Amino acid sequence: MHNLEQINGETAFVAYRKPGWHGLGQVVEEELTAESAITKAMLDWEVELHPIYSSVMSNDGVEVVPVEDKFAVIRKHPLLGERDALGVVGTRYTPIQNRAVFNFLDALVDSGSSYETAGSIDGGKKIFITMRMPNGILVDGKDKSDMYIFATTSHDGSFSMNVSLTAVRVVCQNTWRMARRASQYKHTIRHTANSNKSIAQARDVMQFSFQYGGFLQEQADKLVNTVVHSHDVDNFLSNLFPIPSDIAGAMGKRPLEKNELKVITMLDNKKDTIKNLYHNSPGQQMLDNNAWRLFNSVTEYSDYYSTVRGSDTRRAERVVLAEGEVLKDRALDLLLQ
């Protein structure tokens, strides 16, 4: 499920030039400004806080009872023409409006940044914006990764406004995995009365981008400069997909059960697939035999080859690994040791 908000049959999402998120929403050729992004992503709305009351029915009729210290976050969308409740919050909560997030990021535009995507998810409970930074990283002199500022906030009280720096590889988003490791490069604004941060703070986000870029470049260069031999691939895959300890302990001591054999076969199939991608995938053959190529192979496997159908297989899958992002993070940890 993409979870992008649907409004009158259209998707509340806009992207500059390249489509994203399952190909939904609008793709525009002209560079996005804050105003055009707000309009095309259908984010031109605000939220308000309203007291909450509970209707209590009894033999004496209906009694309206106020709910103390709680407020409903209410939105009236101009395209929907009706109000809807996005969440319930406490007395200290102060909304951060969509335009306030854009205004926060707008302070960076004159430094060469530009809006790339914007959208609304979970029925307006959460919104997000990405801006492309003017500087990026270059892996091995040929693998270009752009850097982005990602801003998101909730309107249901589930999380604060967050601004973080991330890197996205043009094709398969590899360095985004690295960005998740750089947790110190984040800026959090709580939904409180003093949430109206200054332009100077937005400048601070820009300032640490250079530090952050160096962090990503260092990690990428380390992968590129780590030579990988055939036996290294086998050792890496054995560590990436270890046999569960209970099965490993039983091997050689008793005949393995059918479900245990199934787990081992599944692990072997995964290792064989990634090994084949490493040696034969057209996307990897342009790279040298190094840890960067091996990481690309894991990413290609996870993104395009790991879909599993069938309840029995899915249950077995969960036994041996956490899928998707966890797999990529674990591969990165192993390769950077």
Protein backbone atom coordinates (compact mmCIF):
# COMPACT_ATOMS: atom_id res chain seq x y z
CA MET A 1 0.00 0.00 0.00
CA HIS A 2 1.32 3.42 -0.94
CA ASN A 3 -0.81 5.29 1.68
CA LEU A 4 -0.77 8.49 -0.39
CA GLU A 5 -3.91 10.54 0.18
CA GLN A 6 -6.57 10.34 -2.51
CA ILE A 7 -8.65 13.50 -3.04
CA ASN A 8 -11.51 13.47 -5.55
CA GLY A 9 -9.85 10.62 -7.41
CA GLU A 10 -6.43 12.32 -7.57
CA THR A 11 -3.28 11.59 -5.57
CA ALA A 12 -1.85 14.22 -3.22
CA PHE A 13 1.72 13.92 -4.50
CA VAL A 14 3.96 15.85 -6.89
CA ALA A 15 7.42 15.03 -8.24
CA TYR A 16 9.85 17.03 -10.33
CA ARG A 17 10.73 15.33 -13.64
CA LYS A 18 11.12 11.76 -12.39
CA PRO A 19 8.04 9.81 -11.24
CA GLY A 20 8.02 8.20 -7.84
CA TRP A 21 5.93 6.33 -5.33
CA HIS A 22 4.31 3.74 -7.60
CA GLY A 23 3.98 6.25 -10.45
CA LEU A 24 1.13 8.08 -8.72
CA GLY A 25 0.50 11.81 -8.51
CA GLN A 26 1.74 14.54 -10.82
CA VAL A 27 5.11 14.69 -12.53
CA VAL A 28 6.08 18.20 -13.62
CA GLU A 29 8.87 19.39 -15.92
CA GLU A 30 9.16 22.90 -14.50
CA GLU A 31 11.15 23.42 -11.31
CA LEU A 32 8.91 23.38 -8.25
CA THR A 33 8.55 26.44 -6.06
CA ALA A 34 6.99 26.28 -2.62
CA GLU A 35 3.73 27.67 -4.02
CA SER A 36 3.53 25.30 -6.98
CA ALA A 37 4.47 22.29 -4.81
CA ILE A 38 1.79 23.16 -2.26
CA THR A 39 -0.82 23.51 -5.00
CA LYS A 40 0.08 20.48 -7.10
CA ALA A 41 0.48 18.21 -4.06
CA MET A 42 -2.88 19.49 -2.74
CA LEU A 43 -1.33 20.63 0.54
CA ASP A 44 -2.94 24.07 0.60
CA TRP A 45 -4.89 23.55 3.83
CA GLU A 46 -4.53 24.20 7.55
CA VAL A 47 -5.52 22.46 10.74
CA GLU A 48 -7.19 23.82 13.86
CA LEU A 49 -7.58 22.57 17.42
CA HIS A 50 -11.11 22.13 18.76
CA PRO A 51 -12.37 20.91 22.17
CA ILE A 52 -13.57 17.34 22.41
CA TYR A 53 -16.96 16.38 23.85
CA SER A 54 -18.43 12.97 24.46
CA SER A 55 -22.14 12.21 24.12
CA VAL A 56 -23.34 9.99 26.96
CA MET A 57 -26.71 8.32 26.43
CA SER A 58 -28.88 7.25 29.38
CA ASN A 59 -32.53 6.86 30.30
CA ASP A 60 -32.57 10.58 31.06
CA GLY A 61 -31.46 11.48 27.55
CA VAL A 62 -28.16 12.55 26.04
CA GLU A 63 -25.59 14.35 28.14
CA VAL A 64 -22.63 16.10 26.51
CA VAL A 65 -19.48 15.70 28.62
CA PRO A 66 -16.32 17.68 27.83
CA VAL A 67 -13.06 15.72 27.57
CA GLU A 68 -10.56 17.71 29.59
CA ASP A 69 -7.04 18.44 28.33
CA LYS A 70 -7.71 16.89 24.94
CA PHE A 71 -8.28 18.52 21.57
CA ALA A 72 -9.19 17.29 18.12
CA VAL A 73 -6.99 18.29 15.19
CA ILE A 74 -9.53 19.32 12.55
CA ARG A 75 -8.88 20.01 8.88
CA LYS A 76 -11.16 21.60 6.32
CA HIS A 77 -9.76 20.74 2.93
CA PRO A 78 -10.66 23.30 0.23
CA LEU A 79 -11.06 20.56 -2.38
CA LEU A 80 -13.14 18.27 -0.19
CA GLY A 81 -15.30 21.03 1.27
CA GLU A 82 -15.83 19.24 4.56
CA ARG A 83 -14.07 18.92 7.88
CA ASP A 84 -12.32 15.79 9.04
CA ALA A 85 -10.54 14.86 12.26
CA LEU A 86 -6.88 13.93 11.91
CA GLY A 87 -6.04 13.13 15.51
CA VAL A 88 -6.37 13.82 19.23
CA VAL A 89 -3.70 15.82 21.05
CA GLY A 90 -2.98 17.33 24.45
CA THR A 91 -2.93 20.90 25.73
CA ARG A 92 0.73 21.54 24.88
CA TYR A 93 0.34 20.62 21.23
CA THR A 94 0.66 23.47 18.73
CA PRO A 95 0.03 22.73 15.04
CA ILE A 96 2.79 23.26 12.52
CA GLN A 97 1.01 24.18 9.32
CA ASN A 98 2.01 22.86 5.92
CA ARG A 99 3.08 26.29 4.74
CA ALA A 100 5.27 26.68 7.81
CA VAL A 101 7.25 23.61 6.74
CA PHE A 102 7.71 25.05 3.25
CA ASN A 103 8.69 28.42 4.73
CA PHE A 104 11.28 26.68 6.87
CA LEU A 105 12.79 25.04 3.80
CA ASP A 106 12.40 28.09 1.56
CA ALA A 107 15.30 29.72 3.38
CA LEU A 108 17.57 27.20 1.67
CA VAL A 109 16.45 27.78 -1.93
CA ASP A 110 18.74 30.74 -2.58
CA SER A 111 21.69 28.47 -1.83
CA GLY A 112 20.96 26.24 -4.81
CA SER A 113 18.43 23.81 -3.35
CA SER A 114 15.21 22.98 -5.18
CA TYR A 115 11.97 21.18 -4.36
CA GLU A 116 11.76 17.63 -5.68
CA THR A 117 8.69 15.97 -4.13
CA ALA A 118 5.82 16.73 -1.76
CA GLY A 119 2.78 14.83 -0.65
CA SER A 120 0.27 13.78 1.96
CA ILE A 121 -0.16 10.31 3.43
CA ASP A 122 -2.61 8.57 5.77
CA GLY A 123 -5.47 10.88 4.85
CA GLY A 124 -3.55 14.07 5.69
CA LYS A 125 -2.21 12.88 9.03
CA LYS A 126 1.33 13.18 7.74
CA ILE A 127 2.93 15.34 5.06
CA PHE A 128 6.43 15.28 3.57
CA ILE A 129 8.69 17.39 1.35
CA THR A 130 12.07 16.70 -0.23
CA MET A 131 14.56 19.24 -1.54
CA ARG A 132 17.62 18.42 -3.63
CA MET A 133 20.84 19.88 -2.30
CA PRO A 134 23.34 21.52 -4.66
CA ASN A 135 26.12 19.15 -3.58
CA GLY A 136 26.23 15.36 -3.71
CA ILE A 137 28.71 12.50 -3.56
CA LEU A 138 30.49 10.61 -6.32
CA VAL A 139 31.35 6.96 -5.72
CA ASP A 140 34.41 5.62 -7.52
CA GLY A 141 34.31 8.60 -9.86
CA LYS A 142 31.20 7.36 -11.70
CA ASP A 143 28.34 6.43 -9.36
CA LYS A 144 26.56 9.74 -8.62
CA SER A 145 24.37 10.15 -5.55
CA ASP A 146 22.39 13.30 -4.91
CA MET A 147 21.78 14.65 -1.42
CA TYR A 148 18.36 15.67 -0.22
CA ILE A 149 16.76 17.43 2.69
CA PHE A 150 13.71 15.50 3.81
CA ALA A 151 11.10 17.28 5.94
CA THR A 152 8.03 15.68 7.44
CA THR A 153 5.50 16.48 10.12
CA SER A 154 2.38 14.88 11.53
CA HIS A 155 -1.02 16.40 12.11
CA ASP A 156 -2.21 13.62 14.41
CA GLY A 157 0.36 14.06 17.17
CA SER A 158 2.25 10.90 16.27
CA PHE A 159 5.65 12.59 15.79
CA SER A 160 7.38 15.96 15.73
CA MET A 161 8.45 17.85 12.65
CA ASN A 162 11.70 16.31 11.44
CA VAL A 163 14.23 17.67 8.99
CA SER A 164 17.01 15.31 7.97
CA LEU A 165 19.64 14.94 5.30
CA THR A 166 19.64 11.85 3.14
CA ALA A 167 21.32 10.61 -0.02
CA VAL A 168 19.52 8.78 -2.81
CA ARG A 169 21.32 6.94 -5.56
CA VAL A 170 19.85 7.77 -8.96
CA VAL A 171 18.84 4.18 -9.71
CA CYS A 172 18.49 2.05 -6.60
CA GLN A 173 18.73 4.41 -3.60
CA ASN A 174 21.72 2.67 -2.06
CA THR A 175 23.19 5.57 -0.16
CA TRP A 176 19.84 6.28 1.48
CA ARG A 177 20.71 3.24 3.62
CA MET A 178 23.89 5.01 4.68
CA ALA A 179 21.93 8.17 5.48
CA ARG A 180 19.83 6.32 8.01
CA ARG A 181 23.00 5.56 9.94
CA ALA A 182 23.84 9.27 10.26
CA SER A 183 21.24 9.92 12.95
CA GLN A 184 23.14 12.93 14.27
CA TYR A 185 22.24 14.83 11.10
CA LYS A 186 18.64 15.48 12.01
CA HIS A 187 16.73 18.51 13.23
CA THR A 188 13.59 18.02 15.30
CA ILE A 189 10.95 20.67 16.03
CA ARG A 190 8.36 19.74 18.60
CA HIS A 191 4.73 20.78 18.25
CA THR A 192 4.83 23.31 21.07
CA ALA A 193 4.27 27.05 21.44
CA ASN A 194 7.89 27.84 20.48
CA SER A 195 7.87 25.74 17.31
CA ASN A 196 8.21 28.77 15.07
CA LYS A 197 11.91 28.34 14.33
CA SER A 198 13.97 31.07 12.68
CA ILE A 199 15.69 31.20 9.30
CA ALA A 200 19.00 30.92 11.15
CA GLN A 201 18.04 27.41 12.23
CA ALA A 202 17.25 26.51 8.65
CA ARG A 203 20.72 27.74 7.79
CA ASP A 204 22.10 25.40 10.43
CA VAL A 205 20.61 22.47 8.52
CA MET A 206 22.46 23.66 5.44
CA GLN A 207 25.70 24.06 7.37
CA PHE A 208 25.97 20.45 8.51
CA SER A 209 25.26 19.16 5.01
CA PHE A 210 28.95 19.46 4.18
CA GLN A 211 29.87 17.39 7.23
CA TYR A 212 27.22 14.88 6.27
CA GLY A 213 28.40 14.64 2.69
CA GLY A 214 31.88 13.85 3.96
CA PHE A 215 30.44 11.09 6.16
CA LEU A 216 28.69 9.45 3.21
CA GLN A 217 31.69 9.88 0.94
CA GLU A 218 33.92 8.22 3.54
CA GLN A 219 31.62 5.22 3.84
CA ALA A 220 31.18 4.84 0.09
CA ASP A 221 34.93 5.13 -0.52
CA LYS A 222 35.58 2.47 2.11
CA LEU A 223 33.28 0.07 0.26
CA VAL A 224 34.88 0.89 -3.08
CA ASN A 225 38.39 0.33 -1.70
CA THR A 226 37.55 -3.01 -0.07
CA VAL A 227 38.60 -5.71 -2.53
CA VAL A 228 36.29 -8.75 -2.61
CA HIS A 229 37.41 -12.25 -3.65
CA SER A 230 35.17 -15.24 -4.36
CA HIS A 231 35.59 -16.69 -0.87
CA ASP A 232 34.74 -13.24 0.59
CA VAL A 233 31.38 -13.35 -1.20
CA ASP A 234 30.62 -16.77 0.29
CA ASN A 235 31.64 -15.70 3.80
CA PHE A 236 29.63 -12.50 3.57
CA LEU A 237 26.48 -14.31 2.43
CA SER A 238 26.85 -16.92 5.17
CA ASN A 239 26.93 -14.11 7.74
CA LEU A 240 24.09 -12.23 6.05
CA PHE A 241 21.87 -15.33 6.02
CA PRO A 242 22.99 -17.43 9.02
CA ILE A 243 21.32 -20.74 9.76
CA PRO A 244 19.09 -20.26 12.84
CA SER A 245 20.86 -21.49 15.97
CA ASP A 246 18.25 -24.13 16.81
CA ILE A 247 18.59 -25.69 13.35
CA ALA A 248 22.38 -25.39 13.34
CA GLY A 249 22.50 -27.10 16.74
CA ALA A 250 20.44 -30.01 15.46
CA MET A 251 22.49 -30.60 12.32
CA GLY A 252 24.49 -33.81 12.58
CA LYS A 253 22.67 -34.85 15.76
CA ARG A 254 19.28 -35.81 14.34
CA PRO A 255 17.41 -35.85 11.03
CA LEU A 256 16.11 -32.37 10.27
CA GLU A 257 12.38 -31.85 10.05
CA LYS A 258 10.66 -30.81 6.84
CA ASN A 259 10.21 -27.20 7.87
CA GLU A 260 13.87 -27.00 8.97
CA LEU A 261 15.05 -28.31 5.61
CA LYS A 262 12.81 -25.75 3.96
CA VAL A 263 14.51 -22.94 5.87
CA ILE A 264 17.97 -24.15 4.82
CA THR A 265 16.88 -24.44 1.19
CA MET A 266 15.45 -20.95 1.32
CA LEU A 267 18.68 -19.55 2.72
CA ASP A 268 20.72 -21.31 0.05
CA ASN A 269 18.44 -19.94 -2.68
CA LYS A 270 18.87 -16.40 -1.38
CA LYS A 271 22.64 -16.72 -1.23
CA ASP A 272 22.77 -18.23 -4.72
CA THR A 273 20.62 -15.43 -6.15
CA ILE A 274 22.76 -12.65 -4.68
CA LYS A 275 25.97 -14.42 -5.71
CA ASN A 276 24.65 -14.71 -9.26
CA LEU A 277 23.71 -11.02 -9.28
CA TYR A 278 27.18 -10.10 -8.04
CA HIS A 279 28.90 -12.02 -10.83
CA ASN A 280 26.43 -11.68 -13.72
CA SER A 281 23.98 -8.80 -13.27
CA PRO A 282 24.48 -6.13 -16.00
CA GLY A 283 24.04 -3.47 -13.33
CA GLN A 284 26.94 -4.86 -11.29
CA GLN A 285 29.35 -5.85 -14.08
CA MET A 286 30.29 -2.19 -14.65
CA LEU A 287 31.67 -2.12 -11.09
CA ASP A 288 34.92 -3.56 -9.79
CA ASN A 289 35.06 -6.61 -7.49
CA ASN A 290 34.66 -4.66 -4.28
CA ALA A 291 32.29 -4.25 -1.34
CA TRP A 292 30.32 -1.52 -3.14
CA ARG A 293 29.44 -4.00 -5.89
CA LEU A 294 28.47 -6.59 -3.27
CA PHE A 295 26.25 -4.08 -1.48
CA ASN A 296 24.63 -3.16 -4.81
CA SER A 297 23.91 -6.86 -5.37
CA VAL A 298 22.11 -7.14 -2.03
CA THR A 299 20.11 -4.02 -2.82
CA GLU A 300 19.17 -5.32 -6.27
CA TYR A 301 18.08 -8.61 -4.73
CA SER A 302 16.00 -6.92 -2.05
CA ASP A 303 14.33 -4.50 -4.45
CA TYR A 304 13.60 -6.84 -7.34
CA TYR A 305 14.00 -10.50 -6.43
CA SER A 306 12.81 -11.04 -2.85
CA THR A 307 9.02 -11.04 -3.39
CA VAL A 308 7.61 -14.21 -1.88
CA ARG A 309 4.10 -15.61 -2.23
CA GLY A 310 2.36 -18.28 -0.22
CA SER A 311 1.64 -18.33 3.50
CA ASP A 312 3.96 -21.24 4.33
CA THR A 313 6.91 -19.67 2.57
CA ARG A 314 6.17 -16.28 4.10
CA ARG A 315 6.21 -17.75 7.60
CA ALA A 316 9.50 -19.47 6.89
CA GLU A 317 10.85 -16.18 5.53
CA ARG A 318 10.14 -14.41 8.78
CA VAL A 319 12.08 -17.07 10.68
CA VAL A 320 15.35 -16.40 8.92
CA LEU A 321 15.45 -12.64 8.36
CA ALA A 322 13.73 -9.30 8.67
CA GLU A 323 13.12 -8.21 5.11
CA GLY A 324 13.68 -5.07 3.10
CA GLU A 325 15.43 -2.23 4.84
CA VAL A 326 16.69 -4.39 7.71
CA LEU A 327 18.43 -6.69 5.23
CA LYS A 328 20.17 -3.75 3.52
CA ASP A 329 21.18 -2.21 6.83
CA ARG A 330 22.60 -5.52 8.02
CA ALA A 331 24.53 -5.96 4.78
CA LEU A 332 25.99 -2.48 5.17
CA ASP A 333 27.01 -3.20 8.76
CA LEU A 334 28.82 -6.38 7.70
CA LEU A 335 30.62 -4.71 4.80
CA LEU A 336 31.77 -1.75 6.86
CA GLN A 337 33.22 -3.84 9.70
